Amino acid sequence: MRDYQAKGYIFESVIWELLKSFGYVNVKTDNVKGRGASHQIDAFGELAFPTAFMYPIRLICECKCFSKNKIELKHLRSFVGVMKDISENYFVSQSNSNNYSKRYTDVGCFFSATSFSRDSQEYAWAHNISIISFQNNSFLKPLIKNIDKFVEIKKQNNELKNKKKIINDFKESEFHNEISDISATIGILDGFYPIALIGTNNWLPNIDSLTELDNLSEIIVAEKISRDSNEYETFFELAIKEEIITFSVPNIIKNKLIKQIDKANNGDTVFTIDVPYIRKIEGNNIRRLIKIKVQFKTSE
C-alpha cells in the first residue's frame, strides 16, 4: 500500500466519523457494487430525512488526503465513472419475487484535504458531484497533520499493508485524539449546494435553543467574521451565538455569493444555510431544521 492510499483510507474514516456527529448522515457498512464491477467502497451514508418523489438518498464519497497536490480533473473523471456504474446497477425483475436490492437515489461527494483545480470544479459541477475541500480549515488542519505523521511512522516501520488494520491503529493512537474536540454536519447553502460545517464539539445543539417536542425548526442569525479567498476556494468563518463555525466553497459557487455580498447593505441577509439534524430531546430522537441567516457588516 502506498502512503497516499493509507492517508486516504484514514481520512475517509475520519470524515464518516465526523458526519455521524449529529445524526443527519447514518453510516452504513455494505459492499457497493456497480453494473460492471465491484468498487472499493465499503461504507456509504444514508440521509436521515426522507424526500418526496425520491428513493432514500445514498451518499457515496471519495476522499483524498494529498499532502500538497490539488485534486485534478482526472480524479473527478474517475469518480464520475464510479458513480455512473453504481447508479446503473438496478434491474427490474419480471417475477413476483421480492428478493431485489433496496433502491437508492445515489449522490456523490468528493472530500479533499487540499484544493480542487479549476477544471475539476467545472467538471464536478457539470456532473452534479459536490466537492468539499478542507485546505484552509483551522479545525481540521491539526487532524490532517496527525494523519501525515501517523502514516509516515507506519511507512518507516513497513506497516502499510492492511487497510482495516491501518484505520483501527489510527483510531487507537494518540493521533486520533484531535477528533474529540470537533464536530461536523452537512448544511445546504442557499437551498442548493451542500457544505460541511465544522466547529467545536457539540456546537450544533449549543446554538439550538428550542427544547419543546413540537418545535421542529428555528431561525438563527449569524455574522460573518472573516472570508479568505485563494485561486480555488473561499473559506468562511461565522459567529453564531458563542460558537465559531467554518466552511469553504469552491470558487465557482463563491462567485455567486460575492455578487450578493457586494450588493448588500449593513444587516442584510446575504445567504442562508439550512441545517437538518437529529436531536435527542426528553429521550426522543427529533428531526430538527435550523435555518442560519448570514448577515454582513458594511466593512465587507
C-alpha atoms as a PDB file:
ATOM      1  CA  MET A   1       0.000   0.000   0.000  1.00  0.00           C
ATOM      2  CA  ARG A   2       1.296   3.448  -0.918  1.00  0.00           C
ATOM      3  CA  ASP A   3       1.411   6.148   1.738  1.00  0.00           C
ATOM      4  CA  TYR A   4      -1.105   8.365  -0.097  1.00  0.00           C
ATOM      5  CA  GLN A   5      -3.553   5.439  -0.175  1.00  0.00           C
ATOM      6  CA  ALA A   6      -3.193   4.914   3.572  1.00  0.00           C
ATOM      7  CA  LYS A   7      -3.789   8.623   4.187  1.00  0.00           C
ATOM      8  CA  GLY A   8      -6.907   8.474   2.030  1.00  0.00           C
ATOM      9  CA  TYR A   9      -8.323   5.477   3.912  1.00  0.00           C
ATOM     10  CA  ILE A  10      -7.767   7.134   7.290  1.00  0.00           C
ATOM     11  CA  PHE A  11      -9.099  10.465   6.054  1.00  0.00           C
ATOM     12  CA  GLU A  12     -12.258   8.772   4.780  1.00  0.00           C
ATOM     13  CA  SER A  13     -12.834   7.091   8.154  1.00  0.00           C
ATOM     14  CA  VAL A  14     -12.402  10.476   9.862  1.00  0.00           C
ATOM     15  CA  ILE A  15     -14.904  12.119   7.500  1.00  0.00           C
ATOM     16  CA  TRP A  16     -17.520   9.444   8.175  1.00  0.00           C
ATOM     17  CA  GLU A  17     -16.906   9.722  11.912  1.00  0.00           C
ATOM     18  CA  LEU A  18     -17.441  13.487  11.784  1.00  0.00           C
ATOM     19  CA  LEU A  19     -20.529  13.285   9.573  1.00  0.00           C
ATOM     20  CA  LYS A  20     -22.171  10.972  12.120  1.00  0.00           C
ATOM     21  CA  SER A  21     -21.897  13.708  14.767  1.00  0.00           C
ATOM     22  CA  PHE A  22     -25.484  14.966  14.595  1.00  0.00           C
ATOM     23  CA  GLY A  23     -27.403  12.076  13.088  1.00  0.00           C
ATOM     24  CA  TYR A  24     -28.234  13.542   9.668  1.00  0.00           C
ATOM     25  CA  VAL A  25     -25.938  11.039   7.949  1.00  0.00           C
ATOM     26  CA  ASN A  26     -26.367   7.411   9.002  1.00  0.00           C
ATOM     27  CA  VAL A  27     -23.243   5.497   8.021  1.00  0.00           C
ATOM     28  CA  LYS A  28     -23.938   2.032   6.629  1.00  0.00           C
ATOM     29  CA  THR A  29     -21.425  -0.737   6.061  1.00  0.00           C
ATOM     30  CA  ASP A  30     -22.043  -2.757   2.926  1.00  0.00           C
ATOM     31  CA  ASN A  31     -20.373  -3.768  -0.315  1.00  0.00           C
ATOM     32  CA  VAL A  32     -21.325  -1.272  -3.014  1.00  0.00           C
ATOM     33  CA  LYS A  33     -21.474  -2.894  -6.441  1.00  0.00           C
ATOM     34  CA  GLY A  34     -21.726  -1.317  -9.840  1.00  0.00           C
ATOM     35  CA  ARG A  35     -23.215  -2.644 -13.051  1.00  0.00           C
ATOM     36  CA  GLY A  36     -19.836  -3.612 -14.424  1.00  0.00           C
ATOM     37  CA  ALA A  37     -17.667  -4.110 -11.342  1.00  0.00           C
ATOM     38  CA  SER A  38     -17.413  -4.004  -7.579  1.00  0.00           C
ATOM     39  CA  HIS A  39     -15.811  -0.851  -6.243  1.00  0.00           C
ATOM     40  CA  GLN A  40     -13.560  -0.153  -3.274  1.00  0.00           C
ATOM     41  CA  ILE A  41     -16.447   1.345  -1.331  1.00  0.00           C
ATOM     42  CA  ASP A  42     -17.315  -0.413   1.909  1.00  0.00           C
ATOM     43  CA  ALA A  43     -19.336   2.355   3.566  1.00  0.00           C
ATOM     44  CA  PHE A  44     -21.888   4.914   2.491  1.00  0.00           C
ATOM     45  CA  GLY A  45     -24.131   7.471   4.120  1.00  0.00           C
ATOM     46  CA  GLU A  46     -27.911   7.274   4.163  1.00  0.00           C
ATOM     47  CA  LEU A  47     -29.557  10.623   4.862  1.00  0.00           C
ATOM     48  CA  ALA A  48     -31.960  10.517   7.793  1.00  0.00           C
ATOM     49  CA  PHE A  49     -34.547  12.903   6.305  1.00  0.00           C
ATOM     50  CA  PRO A  50     -36.755  11.401   3.566  1.00  0.00           C
ATOM     51  CA  THR A  51     -37.533  13.459   0.468  1.00  0.00           C
ATOM     52  CA  ALA A  52     -40.729  13.181  -1.553  1.00  0.00           C
ATOM     53  CA  PHE A  53     -40.581  11.647  -5.057  1.00  0.00           C
ATOM     54  CA  MET A  54     -37.134  10.147  -4.401  1.00  0.00           C
ATOM     55  CA  TYR A  55     -35.724   6.896  -3.119  1.00  0.00           C
ATOM     56  CA  PRO A  56     -33.709   7.150   0.117  1.00  0.00           C
ATOM     57  CA  ILE A  57     -30.608   9.216  -0.622  1.00  0.00           C
ATOM     58  CA  ARG A  58     -27.352   7.278  -0.519  1.00  0.00           C
ATOM     59  CA  LEU A  59     -24.216   9.382  -0.170  1.00  0.00           C
ATOM     60  CA  ILE A  60     -21.196   7.892  -1.944  1.00  0.00           C
ATOM     61  CA  CYS A  61     -17.932   9.582  -1.010  1.00  0.00           C
ATOM     62  CA  GLU A  62     -14.443   9.770  -2.442  1.00  0.00           C
ATOM     63  CA  CYS A  63     -11.781  11.053  -0.056  1.00  0.00           C
ATOM     64  CA  LYS A  64      -8.237  12.139  -0.887  1.00  0.00           C
ATOM     65  CA  CYS A  65      -5.637  13.295   1.611  1.00  0.00           C
ATOM     66  CA  PHE A  66      -2.757  14.567  -0.500  1.00  0.00           C
ATOM     67  CA  SER A  67      -0.031  16.493   1.285  1.00  0.00           C
ATOM     68  CA  LYS A  68       0.388  19.177  -1.377  1.00  0.00           C
ATOM     69  CA  ASN A  69      -1.152  18.217  -4.712  1.00  0.00           C
ATOM     70  CA  LYS A  70      -4.536  19.562  -5.736  1.00  0.00           C
ATOM     71  CA  ILE A  71      -7.408  17.404  -6.890  1.00  0.00           C
ATOM     72  CA  GLU A  72      -7.190  17.415 -10.677  1.00  0.00           C
ATOM     73  CA  LEU A  73      -9.640  16.707 -13.471  1.00  0.00           C
ATOM     74  CA  LYS A  74      -8.506  13.076 -13.757  1.00  0.00           C
ATOM     75  CA  HIS A  75      -9.601  12.372 -10.175  1.00  0.00           C
ATOM     76  CA  LEU A  76     -13.105  13.724 -10.818  1.00  0.00           C
ATOM     77  CA  ARG A  77     -13.391  11.808 -14.094  1.00  0.00           C
ATOM     78  CA  SER A  78     -12.598   8.587 -12.278  1.00  0.00           C
ATOM     79  CA  PHE A  79     -15.165   9.269  -9.548  1.00  0.00           C
ATOM     80  CA  VAL A  80     -17.862  10.219 -12.064  1.00  0.00           C
ATOM     81  CA  GLY A  81     -17.254   6.868 -13.770  1.00  0.00           C
ATOM     82  CA  VAL A  82     -17.697   5.063 -10.457  1.00  0.00           C
ATOM     83  CA  MET A  83     -20.926   6.939  -9.707  1.00  0.00           C
ATOM     84  CA  LYS A  84     -22.333   6.166 -13.153  1.00  0.00           C
ATOM     85  CA  ASP A  85     -21.550   2.469 -12.773  1.00  0.00           C
ATOM     86  CA  ILE A  86     -23.123   2.296  -9.299  1.00  0.00           C
ATOM     87  CA  SER A  87     -26.262   4.207 -10.268  1.00  0.00           C
ATOM     88  CA  GLU A  88     -26.914   1.871 -13.213  1.00  0.00           C
ATOM     89  CA  ASN A  89     -26.822  -1.309 -11.118  1.00  0.00           C
ATOM     90  CA  TYR A  90     -30.595  -1.643 -10.753  1.00  0.00           C
ATOM     91  CA  PHE A  91     -32.685  -4.181 -12.627  1.00  0.00           C
ATOM     92  CA  VAL A  92     -36.431  -4.769 -12.736  1.00  0.00           C
ATOM     93  CA  SER A  93     -37.396  -8.379 -12.099  1.00  0.00           C
ATOM     94  CA  GLN A  94     -40.272  -9.866 -14.122  1.00  0.00           C
ATOM     95  CA  SER A  95     -41.048 -12.417 -11.415  1.00  0.00           C
ATOM     96  CA  ASN A  96     -43.161 -11.930  -8.308  1.00  0.00           C
ATOM     97  CA  SER A  97     -40.132 -12.355  -6.085  1.00  0.00           C
ATOM     98  CA  ASN A  98     -39.372  -9.667  -3.528  1.00  0.00           C
ATOM     99  CA  ASN A  99     -35.684 -10.587  -3.413  1.00  0.00           C
ATOM    100  CA  TYR A 100     -34.390  -7.432  -5.037  1.00  0.00           C
ATOM    101  CA  SER A 101     -31.945  -4.956  -3.575  1.00  0.00           C
ATOM    102  CA  LYS A 102     -33.094  -1.782  -1.873  1.00  0.00           C
ATOM    103  CA  ARG A 103     -33.135   1.155  -4.255  1.00  0.00           C
ATOM    104  CA  TYR A 104     -31.415   4.455  -3.585  1.00  0.00           C
ATOM    105  CA  THR A 105     -31.005   7.832  -5.174  1.00  0.00           C
ATOM    106  CA  ASP A 106     -27.223   7.914  -5.365  1.00  0.00           C
ATOM    107  CA  VAL A 107     -25.396  11.212  -4.877  1.00  0.00           C
ATOM    108  CA  GLY A 108     -21.650  11.738  -4.959  1.00  0.00           C
ATOM    109  CA  CYS A 109     -19.420  13.956  -2.866  1.00  0.00           C
ATOM    110  CA  PHE A 110     -15.640  14.336  -3.153  1.00  0.00           C
ATOM    111  CA  PHE A 111     -13.853  15.336   0.071  1.00  0.00           C
ATOM    112  CA  SER A 112     -10.263  16.521  -0.086  1.00  0.00           C
ATOM    113  CA  ALA A 113      -7.613  17.752   2.328  1.00  0.00           C
ATOM    114  CA  THR A 114      -6.357  20.026  -0.464  1.00  0.00           C
ATOM    115  CA  SER A 115      -7.986  22.305  -3.039  1.00  0.00           C
ATOM    116  CA  PHE A 116      -9.697  21.383  -6.308  1.00  0.00           C
ATOM    117  CA  SER A 117      -8.291  22.686  -9.578  1.00  0.00           C
ATOM    118  CA  ARG A 118     -10.489  24.999 -11.627  1.00  0.00           C
ATOM    119  CA  ASP A 119     -11.226  22.451 -14.363  1.00  0.00           C
ATOM    120  CA  SER A 120     -12.048  19.752 -11.794  1.00  0.00           C
ATOM    121  CA  GLN A 121     -14.548  22.150 -10.184  1.00  0.00           C
ATOM    122  CA  GLU A 122     -16.234  22.820 -13.507  1.00  0.00           C
ATOM    123  CA  TYR A 123     -16.355  19.096 -14.320  1.00  0.00           C
ATOM    124  CA  ALA A 124     -17.839  18.286 -10.904  1.00  0.00           C
ATOM    125  CA  TRP A 125     -20.462  21.000 -11.349  1.00  0.00           C
ATOM    126  CA  ALA A 126     -21.404  19.678 -14.791  1.00  0.00           C
ATOM    127  CA  HIS A 127     -21.851  16.132 -13.452  1.00  0.00           C
ATOM    128  CA  ASN A 128     -23.658  17.093 -10.232  1.00  0.00           C
ATOM    129  CA  ILE A 129     -20.823  15.998  -7.939  1.00  0.00           C
ATOM    130  CA  SER A 130     -20.436  18.034  -4.758  1.00  0.00           C
ATOM    131  CA  ILE A 131     -16.867  18.919  -3.776  1.00  0.00           C
ATOM    132  CA  ILE A 132     -15.670  19.881  -0.297  1.00  0.00           C
ATOM    133  CA  SER A 133     -12.120  20.994   0.463  1.00  0.00           C
ATOM    134  CA  PHE A 134     -10.573  21.319   3.919  1.00  0.00           C
ATOM    135  CA  GLN A 135      -7.430  23.052   2.657  1.00  0.00           C
ATOM    136  CA  ASN A 136      -7.815  26.092   4.914  1.00  0.00           C
ATOM    137  CA  ASN A 137      -9.992  24.702   7.692  1.00  0.00           C
ATOM    138  CA  SER A 138      -8.492  25.680  11.040  1.00  0.00           C
ATOM    139  CA  PHE A 139     -10.369  22.960  12.926  1.00  0.00           C
ATOM    140  CA  LEU A 140      -9.198  20.102  10.696  1.00  0.00           C
ATOM    141  CA  LYS A 141      -5.603  21.180   9.993  1.00  0.00           C
ATOM    142  CA  PRO A 142      -4.187  19.589  13.196  1.00  0.00           C
ATOM    143  CA  LEU A 143      -6.019  16.337  12.490  1.00  0.00           C
ATOM    144  CA  ILE A 144      -4.787  16.198   8.886  1.00  0.00           C
ATOM    145  CA  LYS A 145      -1.221  16.820  10.075  1.00  0.00           C
ATOM    146  CA  ASN A 146      -1.643  13.947  12.527  1.00  0.00           C
ATOM    147  CA  ILE A 147      -2.698  11.650   9.682  1.00  0.00           C
ATOM    148  CA  ASP A 148       0.507  12.587   7.828  1.00  0.00           C
ATOM    149  CA  LYS A 149       2.643  11.900  10.908  1.00  0.00           C
ATOM    150  CA  PHE A 150       0.937   8.596  11.663  1.00  0.00           C
ATOM    151  CA  VAL A 151       1.295   7.275   8.110  1.00  0.00           C
ATOM    152  CA  GLU A 152       4.954   8.330   7.967  1.00  0.00           C
ATOM    153  CA  ILE A 153       5.665   6.316  11.130  1.00  0.00           C
ATOM    154  CA  LYS A 154       3.839   3.295   9.713  1.00  0.00           C
ATOM    155  CA  LYS A 155       5.743   3.648   6.449  1.00  0.00           C
ATOM    156  CA  GLN A 156       9.104   3.692   8.223  1.00  0.00           C
ATOM    157  CA  ASN A 157       8.097   0.565  10.151  1.00  0.00           C
ATOM    158  CA  ASN A 158       6.916  -1.141   6.945  1.00  0.00           C
ATOM    159  CA  GLU A 159       3.376  -1.462   8.323  1.00  0.00           C
ATOM    160  CA  LEU A 160       1.336  -0.115   5.408  1.00  0.00           C
ATOM    161  CA  LYS A 161      -0.167  -3.442   4.425  1.00  0.00           C
ATOM    162  CA  ASN A 162      -3.761  -3.827   5.576  1.00  0.00           C
ATOM    163  CA  LYS A 163      -6.460  -1.165   5.180  1.00  0.00           C
ATOM    164  CA  LYS A 164      -8.597  -2.237   8.120  1.00  0.00           C
ATOM    165  CA  LYS A 165      -5.623  -2.502  10.466  1.00  0.00           C
ATOM    166  CA  ILE A 166      -4.261   0.901   9.427  1.00  0.00           C
ATOM    167  CA  ILE A 167      -7.603   2.548  10.212  1.00  0.00           C
ATOM    168  CA  ASN A 168      -8.010   0.738  13.536  1.00  0.00           C
ATOM    169  CA  ASP A 169      -4.437   1.526  14.583  1.00  0.00           C
ATOM    170  CA  PHE A 170      -5.020   5.211  13.869  1.00  0.00           C
ATOM    171  CA  LYS A 171      -8.233   5.273  15.913  1.00  0.00           C
ATOM    172  CA  GLU A 172      -6.413   3.686  18.845  1.00  0.00           C
ATOM    173  CA  SER A 173      -3.448   6.060  18.630  1.00  0.00           C
ATOM    174  CA  GLU A 174      -2.888   9.458  20.227  1.00  0.00           C
ATOM    175  CA  PHE A 175      -3.035  10.991  16.747  1.00  0.00           C
ATOM    176  CA  HIS A 176      -6.800  10.400  16.742  1.00  0.00           C
ATOM    177  CA  ASN A 177      -7.434  12.481  19.872  1.00  0.00           C
ATOM    178  CA  GLU A 178      -7.930  15.743  17.955  1.00  0.00           C
ATOM    179  CA  ILE A 179     -11.257  14.495  16.617  1.00  0.00           C
ATOM    180  CA  SER A 180     -12.882  14.613  20.057  1.00  0.00           C
ATOM    181  CA  ASP A 181     -12.661  18.422  20.021  1.00  0.00           C
ATOM    182  CA  ILE A 182     -14.551  18.982  16.747  1.00  0.00           C
ATOM    183  CA  SER A 183     -17.838  18.039  15.124  1.00  0.00           C
ATOM    184  CA  ALA A 184     -19.343  18.495  11.689  1.00  0.00           C
ATOM    185  CA  THR A 185     -22.566  18.309   9.769  1.00  0.00           C
ATOM    186  CA  ILE A 186     -23.897  18.972   6.292  1.00  0.00           C
ATOM    187  CA  GLY A 187     -25.609  22.280   5.579  1.00  0.00           C
ATOM    188  CA  ILE A 188     -27.383  23.391   2.412  1.00  0.00           C
ATOM    189  CA  LEU A 189     -26.162  26.753   1.155  1.00  0.00           C
ATOM    190  CA  ASP A 190     -28.947  28.921  -0.303  1.00  0.00           C
ATOM    191  CA  GLY A 191     -31.116  25.850  -0.691  1.00  0.00           C
ATOM    192  CA  PHE A 192     -28.999  24.104  -3.315  1.00  0.00           C
ATOM    193  CA  TYR A 193     -25.310  23.495  -2.520  1.00  0.00           C
ATOM    194  CA  PRO A 194     -24.109  21.149   0.261  1.00  0.00           C
ATOM    195  CA  ILE A 195     -21.309  22.364   2.527  1.00  0.00           C
ATOM    196  CA  ALA A 196     -19.504  20.858   5.524  1.00  0.00           C
ATOM    197  CA  LEU A 197     -19.962  22.988   8.633  1.00  0.00           C
ATOM    198  CA  ILE A 198     -17.132  22.435  11.120  1.00  0.00           C
ATOM    199  CA  GLY A 199     -16.996  23.690  14.697  1.00  0.00           C
ATOM    200  CA  THR A 200     -16.102  22.672  18.213  1.00  0.00           C
ATOM    201  CA  ASN A 201     -17.578  19.555  19.742  1.00  0.00           C
ATOM    202  CA  ASN A 202     -21.377  19.724  20.123  1.00  0.00           C
ATOM    203  CA  TRP A 203     -21.657  23.177  18.530  1.00  0.00           C
ATOM    204  CA  LEU A 204     -24.978  22.485  16.814  1.00  0.00           C
ATOM    205  CA  PRO A 205     -27.061  21.683  19.938  1.00  0.00           C
ATOM    206  CA  ASN A 206     -25.333  24.631  21.619  1.00  0.00           C
ATOM    207  CA  ILE A 207     -26.854  27.092  19.138  1.00  0.00           C
ATOM    208  CA  ASP A 208     -30.245  25.345  19.086  1.00  0.00           C
ATOM    209  CA  SER A 209     -32.191  26.878  21.976  1.00  0.00           C
ATOM    210  CA  LEU A 210     -35.533  25.150  21.408  1.00  0.00           C
ATOM    211  CA  THR A 211     -36.439  22.178  23.591  1.00  0.00           C
ATOM    212  CA  GLU A 212     -40.160  21.549  23.007  1.00  0.00           C
ATOM    213  CA  LEU A 213     -41.030  18.448  21.022  1.00  0.00           C
ATOM    214  CA  ASP A 214     -43.438  20.314  18.738  1.00  0.00           C
ATOM    215  CA  ASN A 215     -40.915  22.962  17.637  1.00  0.00           C
ATOM    216  CA  LEU A 216     -39.105  21.428  14.704  1.00  0.00           C
ATOM    217  CA  SER A 217     -37.356  24.448  13.238  1.00  0.00           C
ATOM    218  CA  GLU A 218     -35.557  27.587  14.300  1.00  0.00           C
ATOM    219  CA  ILE A 219     -34.117  30.620  12.551  1.00  0.00           C
ATOM    220  CA  ILE A 220     -30.732  31.800  13.820  1.00  0.00           C
ATOM    221  CA  VAL A 221     -28.847  34.897  12.734  1.00  0.00           C
ATOM    222  CA  ALA A 222     -25.113  34.552  12.112  1.00  0.00           C
ATOM    223  CA  GLU A 223     -22.484  37.193  11.440  1.00  0.00           C
ATOM    224  CA  LYS A 224     -19.651  36.525   9.060  1.00  0.00           C
ATOM    225  CA  ILE A 225     -16.397  37.468  10.768  1.00  0.00           C
ATOM    226  CA  SER A 226     -13.867  36.521   8.104  1.00  0.00           C
ATOM    227  CA  ARG A 227     -13.530  35.473   4.483  1.00  0.00           C
ATOM    228  CA  ASP A 228     -10.301  34.214   2.957  1.00  0.00           C
ATOM    229  CA  SER A 229     -10.078  33.536  -0.779  1.00  0.00           C
ATOM    230  CA  ASN A 230      -7.429  31.937  -2.936  1.00  0.00           C
ATOM    231  CA  GLU A 231      -7.350  30.852  -6.553  1.00  0.00           C
ATOM    232  CA  TYR A 232      -9.506  27.791  -5.956  1.00  0.00           C
ATOM    233  CA  GLU A 233     -11.806  28.278  -2.972  1.00  0.00           C
ATOM    234  CA  THR A 234     -13.126  30.656  -0.334  1.00  0.00           C
ATOM    235  CA  PHE A 235     -13.083  29.931   3.385  1.00  0.00           C
ATOM    236  CA  PHE A 236     -15.711  31.471   5.685  1.00  0.00           C
ATOM    237  CA  GLU A 237     -15.903  31.864   9.461  1.00  0.00           C
ATOM    238  CA  LEU A 238     -19.270  32.598  11.062  1.00  0.00           C
ATOM    239  CA  ALA A 239     -20.078  33.757  14.578  1.00  0.00           C
ATOM    240  CA  ILE A 240     -23.286  32.109  15.792  1.00  0.00           C
ATOM    241  CA  LYS A 241     -24.138  32.928  19.379  1.00  0.00           C
ATOM    242  CA  GLU A 242     -20.919  31.914  21.170  1.00  0.00           C
ATOM    243  CA  GLU A 243     -19.758  29.422  18.546  1.00  0.00           C
ATOM    244  CA  ILE A 244     -17.379  29.852  15.597  1.00  0.00           C
ATOM    245  CA  ILE A 245     -18.413  27.784  12.569  1.00  0.00           C
ATOM    246  CA  THR A 246     -16.299  27.308   9.445  1.00  0.00           C
ATOM    247  CA  PHE A 247     -16.921  26.140   5.901  1.00  0.00           C
ATOM    248  CA  SER A 248     -15.479  26.569   2.427  1.00  0.00           C
ATOM    249  CA  VAL A 249     -16.964  26.710  -1.047  1.00  0.00           C
ATOM    250  CA  PRO A 250     -15.344  26.196  -4.454  1.00  0.00           C
ATOM    251  CA  ASN A 251     -14.873  29.415  -6.355  1.00  0.00           C
ATOM    252  CA  ILE A 252     -17.496  28.554  -8.956  1.00  0.00           C
ATOM    253  CA  ILE A 253     -20.004  28.793  -6.076  1.00  0.00           C
ATOM    254  CA  LYS A 254     -18.228  31.643  -4.290  1.00  0.00           C
ATOM    255  CA  ASN A 255     -18.530  33.876  -7.341  1.00  0.00           C
ATOM    256  CA  LYS A 256     -22.306  33.735  -6.999  1.00  0.00           C
ATOM    257  CA  LEU A 257     -22.118  34.694  -3.314  1.00  0.00           C
ATOM    258  CA  ILE A 258     -19.712  37.581  -3.812  1.00  0.00           C
ATOM    259  CA  LYS A 259     -22.171  39.289  -6.152  1.00  0.00           C
ATOM    260  CA  GLN A 260     -24.789  39.108  -3.408  1.00  0.00           C
ATOM    261  CA  ILE A 261     -22.351  40.423  -0.797  1.00  0.00           C
ATOM    262  CA  ASP A 262     -21.353  43.397  -2.930  1.00  0.00           C
ATOM    263  CA  LYS A 263     -24.996  44.432  -3.301  1.00  0.00           C
ATOM    264  CA  ALA A 264     -25.851  44.023   0.395  1.00  0.00           C
ATOM    265  CA  ASN A 265     -26.438  46.798   2.901  1.00  0.00           C
ATOM    266  CA  ASN A 266     -25.463  46.564   6.545  1.00  0.00           C
ATOM    267  CA  GLY A 267     -27.636  43.970   8.299  1.00  0.00           C
ATOM    268  CA  ASP A 268     -28.953  42.392   5.100  1.00  0.00           C
ATOM    269  CA  THR A 269     -29.171  38.618   4.881  1.00  0.00           C
ATOM    270  CA  VAL A 270     -26.716  37.678   2.154  1.00  0.00           C
ATOM    271  CA  PHE A 271     -27.162  33.928   2.134  1.00  0.00           C
ATOM    272  CA  THR A 272     -28.806  31.217   4.210  1.00  0.00           C
ATOM    273  CA  ILE A 273     -27.726  27.769   5.379  1.00  0.00           C
ATOM    274  CA  ASP A 274     -30.283  25.058   6.155  1.00  0.00           C
ATOM    275  CA  VAL A 275     -29.020  22.549   8.714  1.00  0.00           C
ATOM    276  CA  PRO A 276     -31.061  19.360   9.235  1.00  0.00           C
ATOM    277  CA  TYR A 277     -30.050  17.146  12.137  1.00  0.00           C
ATOM    278  CA  ILE A 278     -31.305  14.719  14.760  1.00  0.00           C
ATOM    279  CA  ARG A 279     -31.521  15.956  18.346  1.00  0.00           C
ATOM    280  CA  LYS A 280     -32.333  13.857  21.379  1.00  0.00           C
ATOM    281  CA  ILE A 281     -34.989  15.655  23.456  1.00  0.00           C
ATOM    282  CA  GLU A 282     -36.585  14.034  26.506  1.00  0.00           C
ATOM    283  CA  GLY A 283     -35.386  10.635  25.324  1.00  0.00           C
ATOM    284  CA  ASN A 284     -36.787  11.070  21.807  1.00  0.00           C
ATOM    285  CA  ASN A 285     -34.869  11.481  18.555  1.00  0.00           C
ATOM    286  CA  ILE A 286     -36.372  14.608  16.998  1.00  0.00           C
ATOM    287  CA  ARG A 287     -35.742  15.765  13.454  1.00  0.00           C
ATOM    288  CA  ARG A 288     -34.775  19.406  13.558  1.00  0.00           C
ATOM    289  CA  LEU A 289     -34.174  22.008  10.875  1.00  0.00           C
ATOM    290  CA  ILE A 290     -32.199  25.153  11.642  1.00  0.00           C
ATOM    291  CA  LYS A 291     -32.011  27.982   9.133  1.00  0.00           C
ATOM    292  CA  ILE A 292     -28.939  30.158   9.589  1.00  0.00           C
ATOM    293  CA  LYS A 293     -29.310  33.655   8.127  1.00  0.00           C
ATOM    294  CA  VAL A 294     -25.856  35.089   7.478  1.00  0.00           C
ATOM    295  CA  GLN A 295     -25.513  38.857   7.730  1.00  0.00           C
ATOM    296  CA  PHE A 296     -22.565  41.104   6.938  1.00  0.00           C
ATOM    297  CA  LYS A 297     -21.169  44.365   8.181  1.00  0.00           C
ATOM    298  CA  THR A 298     -20.695  47.378   5.933  1.00  0.00           C
ATOM    299  CA  SER A 299     -16.925  46.917   6.251  1.00  0.00           C
ATOM    300  CA  GLU A 300     -17.306  43.936   3.949  1.00  0.00           C
END
